[in-house]
């Protein structure tokens, strides 16, 4: 059962038996014309699995709620995980290699210093980034591929994984990334995600506009194949 939902400007949190988070994404359409969350105000008390299915919604806000719910339902085994974040893993694996990174993360400058080549693929382009349309050309050339967990909520994860070349090392990372062994069946080698250890604190942070680095009450963990 869904016990709480917080849709912050940067993060979304859902409390079921546990708490899960996902990055908040926007459709950038007029809310006067559409209802991005169709059942807003009516989600508490609903079956958690039903709300988790919102991850397939064409509304990015609903998909974020669905993904946060899905993450809340995962039984994360801390003993199976490493206390390692995505930045450090990508620096380790990408040093001296060709690296394709889907999503412009804050540590991009550090990766540029370590990687032989770095291609950052992004929807909202910054200087030096490549557009999504170039993913089909760049990802198959990469030795290491990093994919933001928001690829689940914008429904591009299957397509992006299909572009990797055999032998490439694939990392899914970010607060949205589900710490699930299931991803290893689809060519993923590592998942760098988040486990909520203090739901009350996380819900408060999300409600007060916390960005991912500002979240308290979470562990940043890595699950390796």
N, C-alpha and C. Protein backbone atom coordinates (compact mmCIF):
# COMPACT_ATOMS: atom_id res chain seq x y z
N UNK A 1 0.84 -1.20 0.00
CA UNK A 1 0.00 0.00 0.00
C UNK A 1 0.87 1.25 0.00
N UNK A 2 0.45 2.25 -0.74
CA UNK A 2 1.17 3.53 -0.78
C UNK A 2 0.78 4.36 0.45
N UNK A 3 1.79 4.73 1.23
CA UNK A 3 1.55 5.48 2.47
C UNK A 3 1.84 6.97 2.33
N UNK A 4 2.72 7.34 1.40
CA UNK A 4 3.03 8.75 1.21
C UNK A 4 3.64 8.92 -0.17
N UNK A 5 3.40 10.10 -0.76
CA UNK A 5 3.98 10.47 -2.04
C UNK A 5 4.43 11.92 -1.94
N UNK A 6 5.68 12.18 -2.28
CA UNK A 6 6.20 13.55 -2.31
C UNK A 6 6.78 13.80 -3.69
N UNK A 7 6.21 14.75 -4.40
CA UNK A 7 6.66 15.09 -5.74
C UNK A 7 7.36 16.44 -5.68
N UNK A 8 8.68 16.40 -5.38
CA UNK A 8 9.44 17.63 -5.27
C UNK A 8 9.90 18.11 -6.64
N UNK A 9 10.47 19.31 -6.72
CA UNK A 9 10.90 19.84 -8.01
C UNK A 9 12.06 19.08 -8.63
N UNK A 10 12.86 18.41 -7.79
CA UNK A 10 14.04 17.70 -8.30
C UNK A 10 14.00 16.20 -8.02
N UNK A 11 13.34 15.81 -6.93
CA UNK A 11 13.27 14.41 -6.55
C UNK A 11 11.82 14.03 -6.23
N UNK A 12 11.51 12.78 -6.45
CA UNK A 12 10.21 12.22 -6.10
C UNK A 12 10.44 11.08 -5.10
N UNK A 13 9.65 11.01 -4.06
CA UNK A 13 9.77 9.94 -3.06
C UNK A 13 8.41 9.31 -2.82
N UNK A 14 8.42 8.00 -2.68
CA UNK A 14 7.19 7.25 -2.38
C UNK A 14 7.49 6.32 -1.21
N UNK A 15 6.57 6.32 -0.24
CA UNK A 15 6.69 5.45 0.93
C UNK A 15 5.65 4.34 0.85
N UNK A 16 6.14 3.11 0.82
CA UNK A 16 5.27 1.92 0.93
C UNK A 16 5.74 1.21 2.20
N UNK A 17 6.19 -0.04 2.11
CA UNK A 17 6.84 -0.66 3.26
C UNK A 17 8.17 0.01 3.51
N UNK A 18 8.87 0.34 2.43
CA UNK A 18 10.11 1.11 2.47
C UNK A 18 9.89 2.39 1.68
N UNK A 19 10.94 3.18 1.57
CA UNK A 19 10.86 4.42 0.80
C UNK A 19 11.77 4.30 -0.42
N UNK A 20 11.30 4.80 -1.55
CA UNK A 20 12.09 4.81 -2.77
C UNK A 20 12.07 6.19 -3.39
N UNK A 21 13.11 6.48 -4.17
CA UNK A 21 13.19 7.79 -4.82
C UNK A 21 13.41 7.64 -6.31
N UNK A 22 13.16 8.72 -7.01
CA UNK A 22 13.47 8.83 -8.44
C UNK A 22 13.60 10.31 -8.76
N UNK A 23 14.35 10.62 -9.80
CA UNK A 23 14.46 12.00 -10.22
C UNK A 23 13.13 12.48 -10.78
N UNK A 24 12.75 13.70 -10.48
CA UNK A 24 11.54 14.29 -11.02
C UNK A 24 11.83 14.80 -12.43
N UNK A 25 11.02 14.36 -13.38
CA UNK A 25 11.16 14.80 -14.77
C UNK A 25 9.89 15.53 -15.19
N UNK A 26 10.04 16.41 -16.17
CA UNK A 26 8.92 17.25 -16.58
C UNK A 26 8.61 17.07 -18.06
N UNK A 27 7.33 17.23 -18.38
CA UNK A 27 6.89 17.16 -19.77
C UNK A 27 6.97 18.52 -20.47
N UNK A 28 7.10 19.59 -19.69
CA UNK A 28 7.15 20.95 -20.23
C UNK A 28 5.94 21.26 -21.11
N UNK A 29 4.75 20.90 -20.61
CA UNK A 29 3.50 21.26 -21.27
C UNK A 29 2.67 22.09 -20.30
N UNK A 30 1.74 22.82 -20.81
CA UNK A 30 0.89 23.64 -19.96
C UNK A 30 0.02 22.77 -19.07
N UNK A 31 0.08 23.00 -17.75
CA UNK A 31 -0.74 22.22 -16.84
C UNK A 31 -2.20 22.66 -16.90
N UNK A 32 -2.45 23.75 -17.61
CA UNK A 32 -3.85 24.16 -17.78
C UNK A 32 -4.54 23.30 -18.84
N UNK A 33 -3.74 22.69 -19.71
CA UNK A 33 -4.29 21.89 -20.80
C UNK A 33 -4.27 20.40 -20.47
N UNK A 34 -3.32 19.98 -19.64
CA UNK A 34 -3.19 18.56 -19.33
C UNK A 34 -3.13 18.38 -17.82
N UNK A 35 -3.34 17.16 -17.37
CA UNK A 35 -3.21 16.80 -15.96
C UNK A 35 -2.06 15.81 -15.86
N UNK A 36 -0.84 16.28 -15.57
CA UNK A 36 0.33 15.40 -15.58
C UNK A 36 0.23 14.22 -14.62
N UNK A 37 -0.46 14.41 -13.47
CA UNK A 37 -0.72 13.31 -12.54
C UNK A 37 -2.23 13.18 -12.43
N UNK A 38 -2.76 12.21 -13.12
CA UNK A 38 -4.22 12.12 -13.27
C UNK A 38 -4.95 11.91 -11.95
N UNK A 39 -4.34 11.18 -11.02
CA UNK A 39 -5.00 10.90 -9.75
C UNK A 39 -4.34 11.66 -8.60
N UNK A 40 -3.84 12.83 -8.88
CA UNK A 40 -3.21 13.64 -7.84
C UNK A 40 -4.17 13.84 -6.67
N UNK A 41 -3.69 13.59 -5.46
CA UNK A 41 -4.53 13.70 -4.26
C UNK A 41 -5.25 12.42 -3.89
N UNK A 42 -5.15 11.39 -4.76
CA UNK A 42 -5.88 10.14 -4.52
C UNK A 42 -4.97 8.92 -4.51
N UNK A 43 -3.67 9.12 -4.42
CA UNK A 43 -2.74 7.99 -4.53
C UNK A 43 -2.52 7.25 -3.22
N UNK A 44 -2.71 7.92 -2.09
CA UNK A 44 -2.47 7.25 -0.81
C UNK A 44 -3.50 6.16 -0.59
N UNK A 45 -3.01 5.03 -0.10
CA UNK A 45 -3.89 3.90 0.14
C UNK A 45 -4.03 2.97 -1.05
N UNK A 46 -3.53 3.38 -2.20
CA UNK A 46 -3.62 2.53 -3.38
C UNK A 46 -2.64 1.36 -3.30
N UNK A 47 -2.91 0.32 -4.05
CA UNK A 47 -2.02 -0.82 -4.13
C UNK A 47 -0.68 -0.38 -4.71
N UNK A 48 0.40 -0.73 -4.04
CA UNK A 48 1.73 -0.25 -4.45
C UNK A 48 2.11 -0.76 -5.83
N UNK A 49 1.77 -1.99 -6.15
CA UNK A 49 2.11 -2.52 -7.47
C UNK A 49 1.38 -1.76 -8.58
N UNK A 50 0.15 -1.38 -8.30
CA UNK A 50 -0.62 -0.62 -9.29
C UNK A 50 0.02 0.73 -9.53
N UNK A 51 0.48 1.38 -8.47
CA UNK A 51 1.12 2.69 -8.61
C UNK A 51 2.48 2.53 -9.29
N UNK A 52 3.19 1.44 -9.00
CA UNK A 52 4.48 1.19 -9.64
C UNK A 52 4.33 1.09 -11.16
N UNK A 53 3.19 0.64 -11.61
CA UNK A 53 2.98 0.49 -13.06
C UNK A 53 2.89 1.84 -13.76
N UNK A 54 2.79 2.92 -13.00
CA UNK A 54 2.82 4.25 -13.61
C UNK A 54 4.16 4.52 -14.29
N UNK A 55 5.17 3.71 -14.01
CA UNK A 55 6.46 3.89 -14.66
C UNK A 55 6.32 3.81 -16.17
N UNK A 56 5.28 3.17 -16.67
CA UNK A 56 5.06 3.06 -18.11
C UNK A 56 4.26 4.23 -18.67
N UNK A 57 3.88 5.17 -17.82
CA UNK A 57 3.02 6.27 -18.25
C UNK A 57 3.75 7.19 -19.24
N UNK A 58 2.99 7.77 -20.15
CA UNK A 58 3.55 8.76 -21.07
C UNK A 58 3.80 10.10 -20.38
N UNK A 59 3.23 10.29 -19.19
CA UNK A 59 3.49 11.48 -18.38
C UNK A 59 4.76 11.24 -17.57
N UNK A 60 5.75 12.12 -17.72
CA UNK A 60 7.01 11.93 -17.01
C UNK A 60 6.84 12.05 -15.50
N UNK A 61 5.90 12.88 -15.04
CA UNK A 61 5.67 12.99 -13.60
C UNK A 61 5.08 11.70 -13.05
N UNK A 62 4.12 11.13 -13.76
CA UNK A 62 3.58 9.84 -13.32
C UNK A 62 4.63 8.75 -13.37
N UNK A 63 5.48 8.77 -14.40
CA UNK A 63 6.53 7.77 -14.51
C UNK A 63 7.52 7.87 -13.36
N UNK A 64 7.80 9.10 -12.90
CA UNK A 64 8.70 9.28 -11.76
C UNK A 64 8.07 8.70 -10.49
N UNK A 65 6.77 8.92 -10.31
CA UNK A 65 6.08 8.33 -9.16
C UNK A 65 6.13 6.81 -9.24
N UNK A 66 5.89 6.28 -10.44
CA UNK A 66 5.94 4.83 -10.61
C UNK A 66 7.31 4.27 -10.31
N UNK A 67 8.37 4.97 -10.76
CA UNK A 67 9.73 4.47 -10.55
C UNK A 67 10.12 4.56 -9.08
N UNK A 68 9.73 5.64 -8.40
CA UNK A 68 10.01 5.75 -6.97
C UNK A 68 9.28 4.65 -6.19
N UNK A 69 8.07 4.33 -6.62
CA UNK A 69 7.31 3.25 -5.98
C UNK A 69 8.01 1.92 -6.20
N UNK A 70 8.43 1.68 -7.43
CA UNK A 70 9.15 0.44 -7.74
C UNK A 70 10.40 0.32 -6.87
N UNK A 71 11.15 1.41 -6.75
CA UNK A 71 12.36 1.37 -5.92
C UNK A 71 12.03 1.12 -4.45
N UNK A 72 10.86 1.59 -4.00
CA UNK A 72 10.47 1.34 -2.61
C UNK A 72 10.15 -0.12 -2.35
N UNK A 73 9.83 -0.86 -3.40
CA UNK A 73 9.44 -2.27 -3.26
C UNK A 73 10.62 -3.23 -3.36
N UNK A 74 11.78 -2.71 -3.71
CA UNK A 74 12.96 -3.58 -3.83
C UNK A 74 13.51 -3.94 -2.46
N UNK A 75 13.86 -5.20 -2.30
CA UNK A 75 14.55 -5.64 -1.09
C UNK A 75 16.05 -5.57 -1.36
N UNK A 76 16.67 -4.50 -0.95
CA UNK A 76 18.09 -4.27 -1.25
C UNK A 76 18.95 -4.91 -0.18
N UNK A 77 19.80 -5.82 -0.62
CA UNK A 77 20.70 -6.53 0.30
C UNK A 77 22.01 -5.73 0.37
N UNK A 78 22.20 -5.01 1.47
CA UNK A 78 23.40 -4.18 1.60
C UNK A 78 24.68 -5.02 1.57
N UNK A 79 24.61 -6.25 2.04
CA UNK A 79 25.80 -7.10 2.06
C UNK A 79 26.23 -7.48 0.64
N UNK A 80 25.29 -7.41 -0.29
CA UNK A 80 25.60 -7.72 -1.70
C UNK A 80 26.13 -6.50 -2.44
N UNK A 81 26.06 -5.34 -1.79
CA UNK A 81 26.44 -4.08 -2.43
C UNK A 81 27.78 -3.57 -1.90
N UNK A 82 28.38 -2.69 -2.68
CA UNK A 82 29.60 -2.01 -2.27
C UNK A 82 29.28 -0.55 -1.94
N UNK A 83 30.04 0.00 -1.00
CA UNK A 83 29.90 1.42 -0.67
C UNK A 83 30.73 2.22 -1.67
N UNK A 84 30.21 2.28 -2.90
CA UNK A 84 30.93 2.86 -4.02
C UNK A 84 29.93 3.65 -4.86
N UNK A 85 30.29 4.87 -5.27
CA UNK A 85 29.35 5.65 -6.06
C UNK A 85 29.69 5.58 -7.55
N UNK A 86 28.74 6.02 -8.38
CA UNK A 86 28.89 5.91 -9.81
C UNK A 86 30.06 6.69 -10.37
N UNK A 87 30.32 7.84 -9.79
CA UNK A 87 31.45 8.66 -10.23
C UNK A 87 32.75 7.88 -10.15
N UNK A 88 33.02 7.30 -8.98
CA UNK A 88 34.29 6.60 -8.79
C UNK A 88 34.39 5.36 -9.68
N UNK A 89 33.28 4.66 -9.87
CA UNK A 89 33.31 3.46 -10.71
C UNK A 89 33.58 3.84 -12.17
N UNK A 90 32.94 4.90 -12.66
CA UNK A 90 33.16 5.30 -14.05
C UNK A 90 34.58 5.81 -14.27
N UNK A 91 35.12 6.51 -13.28
CA UNK A 91 36.52 6.96 -13.40
C UNK A 91 37.45 5.75 -13.45
N UNK A 92 37.19 4.76 -12.61
CA UNK A 92 38.02 3.55 -12.59
C UNK A 92 37.93 2.79 -13.91
N UNK A 93 36.71 2.54 -14.37
CA UNK A 93 36.51 1.73 -15.57
C UNK A 93 36.79 2.49 -16.86
N UNK A 94 36.61 3.83 -16.83
CA UNK A 94 36.74 4.61 -18.05
C UNK A 94 38.11 5.20 -18.29
N UNK A 95 39.02 5.09 -17.35
CA UNK A 95 40.35 5.68 -17.52
C UNK A 95 41.06 5.09 -18.73
N UNK A 96 41.46 5.97 -19.65
CA UNK A 96 42.18 5.54 -20.84
C UNK A 96 41.32 4.86 -21.89
N UNK A 97 39.99 4.92 -21.70
CA UNK A 97 39.09 4.21 -22.63
C UNK A 97 38.08 5.17 -23.24
N UNK A 98 37.36 4.67 -24.23
CA UNK A 98 36.28 5.45 -24.85
C UNK A 98 35.02 5.26 -24.04
N UNK A 99 34.48 6.36 -23.57
CA UNK A 99 33.35 6.30 -22.64
C UNK A 99 32.17 7.10 -23.19
N UNK A 100 31.02 6.47 -23.25
CA UNK A 100 29.77 7.16 -23.62
C UNK A 100 28.92 7.28 -22.36
N UNK A 101 28.52 8.51 -22.05
CA UNK A 101 27.74 8.76 -20.84
C UNK A 101 26.41 9.39 -21.23
N UNK A 102 25.32 8.69 -20.95
CA UNK A 102 23.99 9.22 -21.24
C UNK A 102 23.51 9.97 -20.00
N UNK A 103 23.48 11.29 -20.09
CA UNK A 103 23.16 12.14 -18.96
C UNK A 103 24.36 12.97 -18.56
N UNK A 104 24.16 14.26 -18.38
CA UNK A 104 25.28 15.15 -18.03
C UNK A 104 25.37 15.25 -16.50
N UNK A 105 26.29 14.48 -15.93
CA UNK A 105 26.47 14.43 -14.49
C UNK A 105 27.49 15.48 -14.04
N UNK A 106 27.46 15.87 -12.76
CA UNK A 106 28.39 16.92 -12.29
C UNK A 106 29.86 16.56 -12.42
N UNK A 107 30.16 15.26 -12.47
CA UNK A 107 31.56 14.84 -12.51
C UNK A 107 32.10 14.69 -13.94
N UNK A 108 31.39 15.20 -14.93
CA UNK A 108 31.85 15.13 -16.32
C UNK A 108 33.27 15.70 -16.49
N UNK A 109 33.60 16.86 -15.89
CA UNK A 109 34.97 17.38 -16.06
C UNK A 109 36.04 16.40 -15.60
N UNK A 110 35.79 15.67 -14.52
CA UNK A 110 36.76 14.68 -14.04
C UNK A 110 36.90 13.53 -15.02
N UNK A 111 35.78 13.10 -15.59
CA UNK A 111 35.84 12.01 -16.57
C UNK A 111 36.62 12.43 -17.81
N UNK A 112 36.45 13.69 -18.21
CA UNK A 112 37.16 14.17 -19.40
C UNK A 112 38.69 14.07 -19.20
N UNK A 113 39.14 14.25 -17.98
CA UNK A 113 40.57 14.18 -17.71
C UNK A 113 41.10 12.74 -17.72
N UNK A 114 40.21 11.77 -17.46
CA UNK A 114 40.64 10.38 -17.32
C UNK A 114 40.40 9.54 -18.57
N UNK A 115 39.30 9.79 -19.27
CA UNK A 115 38.93 8.94 -20.41
C UNK A 115 39.75 9.29 -21.64
N UNK A 116 39.98 8.30 -22.48
CA UNK A 116 40.63 8.53 -23.77
C UNK A 116 39.74 9.42 -24.62
N UNK A 117 38.44 9.09 -24.65
CA UNK A 117 37.42 9.91 -25.29
C UNK A 117 36.17 9.86 -24.44
N UNK A 118 35.47 10.98 -24.34
CA UNK A 118 34.22 11.01 -23.58
C UNK A 118 33.14 11.66 -24.44
N UNK A 119 32.05 10.93 -24.64
CA UNK A 119 30.90 11.45 -25.36
C UNK A 119 29.73 11.54 -24.39
N UNK A 120 29.31 12.75 -24.06
CA UNK A 120 28.18 12.96 -23.18
C UNK A 120 26.93 13.18 -24.03
N UNK A 121 25.95 12.31 -23.87
CA UNK A 121 24.73 12.36 -24.66
C UNK A 121 23.61 12.89 -23.77
N UNK A 122 22.96 13.96 -24.20
CA UNK A 122 22.05 14.67 -23.31
C UNK A 122 20.88 15.26 -24.09
N UNK A 123 19.69 15.29 -23.45
CA UNK A 123 18.52 15.91 -24.07
C UNK A 123 18.63 17.43 -24.07
N UNK A 124 19.00 17.98 -22.92
CA UNK A 124 19.17 19.43 -22.82
C UNK A 124 20.67 19.72 -22.88
N UNK A 125 21.10 20.08 -24.07
CA UNK A 125 22.53 20.14 -24.36
C UNK A 125 23.26 21.24 -23.61
N UNK A 126 24.45 20.90 -23.15
CA UNK A 126 25.41 21.88 -22.65
C UNK A 126 26.62 21.84 -23.58
N UNK A 127 27.51 22.78 -23.38
CA UNK A 127 28.68 22.86 -24.26
C UNK A 127 29.46 21.54 -24.25
N UNK A 128 29.72 21.01 -25.43
CA UNK A 128 30.47 19.78 -25.56
C UNK A 128 29.63 18.52 -25.58
N UNK A 129 28.33 18.64 -25.31
CA UNK A 129 27.44 17.48 -25.30
C UNK A 129 27.03 17.09 -26.72
N UNK A 130 26.55 15.86 -26.83
CA UNK A 130 26.00 15.35 -28.08
C UNK A 130 24.50 15.11 -27.90
N UNK A 131 23.75 15.30 -28.97
CA UNK A 131 22.30 15.13 -28.90
C UNK A 131 21.93 13.65 -28.84
N UNK A 132 20.71 13.38 -28.40
CA UNK A 132 20.22 12.00 -28.32
C UNK A 132 20.30 11.28 -29.66
N UNK A 133 20.11 12.02 -30.73
CA UNK A 133 20.11 11.40 -32.06
C UNK A 133 21.46 10.79 -32.41
N UNK A 134 22.52 11.20 -31.71
CA UNK A 134 23.86 10.68 -32.00
C UNK A 134 24.21 9.45 -31.16
N UNK A 135 23.30 9.05 -30.27
CA UNK A 135 23.56 7.87 -29.44
C UNK A 135 23.79 6.63 -30.29
N UNK A 136 23.04 6.52 -31.38
CA UNK A 136 23.14 5.33 -32.24
C UNK A 136 24.53 5.20 -32.86
N UNK A 137 25.20 6.32 -33.05
CA UNK A 137 26.54 6.30 -33.63
C UNK A 137 27.61 6.14 -32.56
N UNK A 138 27.42 6.77 -31.40
CA UNK A 138 28.48 6.85 -30.40
C UNK A 138 28.54 5.65 -29.46
N UNK A 139 27.39 5.21 -28.95
CA UNK A 139 27.41 4.13 -27.95
C UNK A 139 28.07 2.85 -28.48
N UNK A 140 27.84 2.44 -29.73
CA UNK A 140 28.51 1.22 -30.21
C UNK A 140 30.03 1.33 -30.28
N UNK A 141 30.57 2.55 -30.22
CA UNK A 141 32.03 2.72 -30.25
C UNK A 141 32.66 2.68 -28.86
N UNK A 142 31.84 2.73 -27.82
CA UNK A 142 32.34 2.91 -26.46
C UNK A 142 32.81 1.61 -25.82
N UNK A 143 33.90 1.71 -25.06
CA UNK A 143 34.37 0.59 -24.24
C UNK A 143 33.58 0.52 -22.94
N UNK A 144 33.16 1.69 -22.46
CA UNK A 144 32.39 1.81 -21.22
C UNK A 144 31.18 2.69 -21.51
N UNK A 145 30.01 2.26 -21.03
CA UNK A 145 28.77 3.00 -21.24
C UNK A 145 28.13 3.28 -19.89
N UNK A 146 27.87 4.55 -19.61
CA UNK A 146 27.14 4.92 -18.41
C UNK A 146 25.77 5.45 -18.81
N UNK A 147 24.73 4.97 -18.16
CA UNK A 147 23.36 5.36 -18.51
C UNK A 147 22.63 5.85 -17.27
N UNK A 148 22.10 7.06 -17.33
CA UNK A 148 21.33 7.59 -16.22
C UNK A 148 20.09 6.74 -15.94
N UNK A 149 19.77 6.61 -14.66
CA UNK A 149 18.57 5.85 -14.28
C UNK A 149 17.28 6.46 -14.80
N UNK A 150 17.32 7.75 -15.17
CA UNK A 150 16.10 8.37 -15.70
C UNK A 150 15.73 7.80 -17.07
N UNK A 151 16.60 6.98 -17.65
CA UNK A 151 16.24 6.29 -18.89
C UNK A 151 15.07 5.33 -18.67
N UNK A 152 14.83 4.95 -17.42
CA UNK A 152 13.64 4.14 -17.12
C UNK A 152 12.38 4.98 -17.23
N UNK A 153 12.43 6.21 -16.71
CA UNK A 153 11.21 7.02 -16.69
C UNK A 153 10.93 7.68 -18.04
N UNK A 154 11.96 7.89 -18.85
CA UNK A 154 11.68 8.42 -20.19
C UNK A 154 11.62 7.32 -21.25
N UNK A 155 11.67 6.06 -20.78
CA UNK A 155 11.40 4.88 -21.61
C UNK A 155 12.43 4.68 -22.73
N UNK A 156 13.69 5.02 -22.46
CA UNK A 156 14.73 4.81 -23.46
C UNK A 156 15.72 3.72 -23.06
N UNK A 157 15.56 3.12 -21.90
CA UNK A 157 16.57 2.20 -21.38
C UNK A 157 16.80 1.00 -22.30
N UNK A 158 15.72 0.40 -22.82
CA UNK A 158 15.90 -0.77 -23.69
C UNK A 158 16.65 -0.40 -24.97
N UNK A 159 16.29 0.73 -25.54
CA UNK A 159 16.96 1.18 -26.77
C UNK A 159 18.44 1.43 -26.51
N UNK A 160 18.76 2.12 -25.43
CA UNK A 160 20.15 2.44 -25.13
C UNK A 160 20.98 1.18 -24.89
N UNK A 161 20.41 0.23 -24.16
CA UNK A 161 21.13 -1.02 -23.90
C UNK A 161 21.35 -1.81 -25.20
N UNK A 162 20.43 -1.69 -26.12
CA UNK A 162 20.56 -2.43 -27.39
C UNK A 162 21.71 -1.91 -28.24
N UNK A 163 22.20 -0.68 -27.96
CA UNK A 163 23.25 -0.08 -28.76
C UNK A 163 24.66 -0.48 -28.32
N UNK A 164 24.78 -1.05 -27.13
CA UNK A 164 26.12 -1.36 -26.62
C UNK A 164 26.76 -2.44 -27.49
N UNK A 165 28.06 -2.36 -27.62
CA UNK A 165 28.77 -3.39 -28.38
C UNK A 165 29.12 -4.54 -27.44
N UNK A 166 29.29 -5.74 -27.97
CA UNK A 166 29.68 -6.88 -27.14
C UNK A 166 30.99 -6.58 -26.40
N UNK A 167 31.01 -6.85 -25.13
CA UNK A 167 32.22 -6.64 -24.33
C UNK A 167 32.29 -5.29 -23.66
N UNK A 168 31.40 -4.36 -24.00
CA UNK A 168 31.40 -3.04 -23.35
C UNK A 168 30.95 -3.19 -21.90
N UNK A 169 31.53 -2.39 -21.03
CA UNK A 169 31.15 -2.40 -19.61
C UNK A 169 30.05 -1.37 -19.41
N UNK A 170 28.91 -1.82 -18.89
CA UNK A 170 27.71 -0.96 -18.81
C UNK A 170 27.36 -0.69 -17.35
N UNK A 171 27.21 0.61 -17.06
CA UNK A 171 26.84 1.05 -15.71
C UNK A 171 25.54 1.85 -15.81
N UNK A 172 24.56 1.50 -14.98
CA UNK A 172 23.35 2.32 -14.82
C UNK A 172 23.48 3.03 -13.49
N UNK A 173 23.29 4.35 -13.48
CA UNK A 173 23.62 5.10 -12.26
C UNK A 173 22.65 6.25 -12.00
N UNK A 174 22.68 6.70 -10.74
CA UNK A 174 21.84 7.81 -10.31
C UNK A 174 20.79 7.36 -9.32
N UNK A 175 20.16 8.32 -8.66
CA UNK A 175 19.17 7.99 -7.63
C UNK A 175 17.99 7.20 -8.14
N UNK A 176 17.69 7.32 -9.43
CA UNK A 176 16.56 6.60 -10.02
C UNK A 176 16.89 5.14 -10.30
N UNK A 177 18.17 4.82 -10.45
CA UNK A 177 18.59 3.48 -10.85
C UNK A 177 18.16 2.43 -9.83
N UNK A 178 17.44 1.39 -10.27
CA UNK A 178 16.99 0.36 -9.32
C UNK A 178 18.11 -0.62 -8.97
N UNK A 179 18.37 -0.80 -7.69
CA UNK A 179 19.41 -1.73 -7.25
C UNK A 179 18.85 -3.15 -7.30
N UNK A 180 18.74 -3.66 -8.52
CA UNK A 180 18.12 -4.96 -8.75
C UNK A 180 19.03 -5.86 -9.59
N UNK A 181 19.14 -7.11 -9.18
CA UNK A 181 19.94 -8.10 -9.92
C UNK A 181 19.36 -8.38 -11.29
N UNK A 182 18.09 -8.08 -11.49
CA UNK A 182 17.43 -8.35 -12.77
C UNK A 182 18.14 -7.65 -13.92
N UNK A 183 18.71 -6.47 -13.67
CA UNK A 183 19.36 -5.72 -14.74
C UNK A 183 20.55 -6.47 -15.33
N UNK A 184 21.14 -7.36 -14.57
CA UNK A 184 22.29 -8.11 -15.08
C UNK A 184 21.89 -9.06 -16.21
N UNK A 185 20.62 -9.40 -16.27
CA UNK A 185 20.13 -10.27 -17.35
C UNK A 185 20.01 -9.51 -18.67
N UNK A 186 20.16 -8.19 -18.62
CA UNK A 186 19.97 -7.36 -19.81
C UNK A 186 21.25 -6.63 -20.23
N UNK A 187 22.39 -7.18 -19.81
CA UNK A 187 23.66 -6.65 -20.27
C UNK A 187 24.28 -5.59 -19.39
N UNK A 188 23.70 -5.32 -18.23
CA UNK A 188 24.25 -4.34 -17.30
C UNK A 188 25.30 -5.02 -16.42
N UNK A 189 26.41 -4.33 -16.19
CA UNK A 189 27.48 -4.89 -15.35
C UNK A 189 27.49 -4.32 -13.94
N UNK A 190 26.96 -3.12 -13.76
CA UNK A 190 26.94 -2.49 -12.44
C UNK A 190 25.77 -1.53 -12.35
N UNK A 191 25.16 -1.48 -11.17
CA UNK A 191 24.09 -0.52 -10.90
C UNK A 191 24.52 0.31 -9.70
N UNK A 192 24.59 1.62 -9.89
CA UNK A 192 24.95 2.54 -8.82
C UNK A 192 23.70 3.32 -8.44
N UNK A 193 23.11 2.98 -7.32
CA UNK A 193 21.83 3.57 -6.94
C UNK A 193 21.79 3.99 -5.49
N UNK A 194 20.59 4.05 -4.95
CA UNK A 194 20.38 4.63 -3.63
C UNK A 194 19.43 3.77 -2.80
N UNK A 195 19.78 3.58 -1.54
CA UNK A 195 18.88 2.94 -0.59
C UNK A 195 18.51 3.96 0.48
N UNK A 196 17.22 4.14 0.71
CA UNK A 196 16.74 5.06 1.74
C UNK A 196 16.81 4.36 3.09
N UNK A 197 17.50 4.97 4.04
CA UNK A 197 17.62 4.40 5.38
C UNK A 197 16.87 5.22 6.42
N UNK A 198 16.48 6.45 6.07
CA UNK A 198 15.70 7.30 6.98
C UNK A 198 14.57 7.93 6.17
N UNK A 199 13.45 7.19 6.01
CA UNK A 199 12.36 7.68 5.17
C UNK A 199 11.82 9.04 5.57
N UNK A 200 11.65 9.29 6.87
CA UNK A 200 11.10 10.57 7.31
C UNK A 200 11.99 11.73 6.87
N UNK A 201 13.31 11.56 6.99
CA UNK A 201 14.24 12.60 6.61
C UNK A 201 14.24 12.81 5.09
N UNK A 202 14.19 11.73 4.35
CA UNK A 202 14.16 11.82 2.89
C UNK A 202 12.89 12.52 2.41
N UNK A 203 11.75 12.15 2.98
CA UNK A 203 10.50 12.79 2.60
C UNK A 203 10.53 14.28 2.88
N UNK A 204 11.11 14.66 4.00
CA UNK A 204 11.22 16.07 4.34
C UNK A 204 12.13 16.81 3.36
N UNK A 205 13.27 16.20 3.04
CA UNK A 205 14.20 16.83 2.10
C UNK A 205 13.55 17.01 0.73
N UNK A 206 12.89 15.99 0.25
CA UNK A 206 12.25 16.06 -1.07
C UNK A 206 11.19 17.16 -1.08
N UNK A 207 10.39 17.23 -0.02
CA UNK A 207 9.32 18.23 0.06
C UNK A 207 9.87 19.65 0.10
N UNK A 208 11.10 19.81 0.60
CA UNK A 208 11.70 21.14 0.72
C UNK A 208 12.63 21.47 -0.45
N UNK A 209 12.50 20.71 -1.55
CA UNK A 209 13.21 21.06 -2.77
C UNK A 209 14.63 20.58 -2.87
N UNK A 210 15.00 19.52 -2.15
CA UNK A 210 16.37 19.02 -2.19
C UNK A 210 16.72 18.48 -3.58
N UNK A 211 17.92 18.83 -4.03
CA UNK A 211 18.48 18.16 -5.19
C UNK A 211 19.08 16.84 -4.72
N UNK A 212 19.51 16.00 -5.66
CA UNK A 212 20.05 14.70 -5.25
C UNK A 212 21.23 14.82 -4.29
N UNK A 213 22.22 15.72 -4.54
CA UNK A 213 23.34 15.83 -3.59
C UNK A 213 22.91 16.31 -2.20
N UNK A 214 21.75 16.96 -2.11
CA UNK A 214 21.28 17.48 -0.82
C UNK A 214 20.48 16.46 -0.02
N UNK A 215 20.16 15.34 -0.62
CA UNK A 215 19.36 14.35 0.09
C UNK A 215 20.11 13.78 1.28
N UNK A 216 19.44 13.74 2.42
CA UNK A 216 19.98 13.09 3.60
C UNK A 216 19.13 11.86 3.89
N UNK A 217 19.72 10.92 4.64
CA UNK A 217 18.97 9.71 4.98
C UNK A 217 19.04 8.63 3.92
N UNK A 218 20.08 8.70 3.06
CA UNK A 218 20.23 7.69 2.01
C UNK A 218 21.65 7.13 2.02
N UNK A 219 21.78 5.92 1.49
CA UNK A 219 23.08 5.33 1.23
C UNK A 219 23.26 5.24 -0.27
N UNK A 220 24.42 5.61 -0.77
CA UNK A 220 24.74 5.46 -2.19
C UNK A 220 25.54 4.17 -2.35
N UNK A 221 24.94 3.21 -3.02
CA UNK A 221 25.49 1.86 -3.11
C UNK A 221 25.68 1.43 -4.56
N UNK A 222 26.56 0.44 -4.73
CA UNK A 222 26.79 -0.12 -6.06
C UNK A 222 26.62 -1.64 -6.00
N UNK A 223 25.85 -2.15 -6.95
CA UNK A 223 25.62 -3.59 -7.10
C UNK A 223 26.38 -4.04 -8.33
N UNK A 224 27.32 -4.97 -8.16
CA UNK A 224 28.14 -5.45 -9.26
C UNK A 224 27.68 -6.83 -9.71
N UNK A 225 27.81 -7.08 -10.99
CA UNK A 225 27.42 -8.37 -11.55
C UNK A 225 28.31 -9.48 -11.00
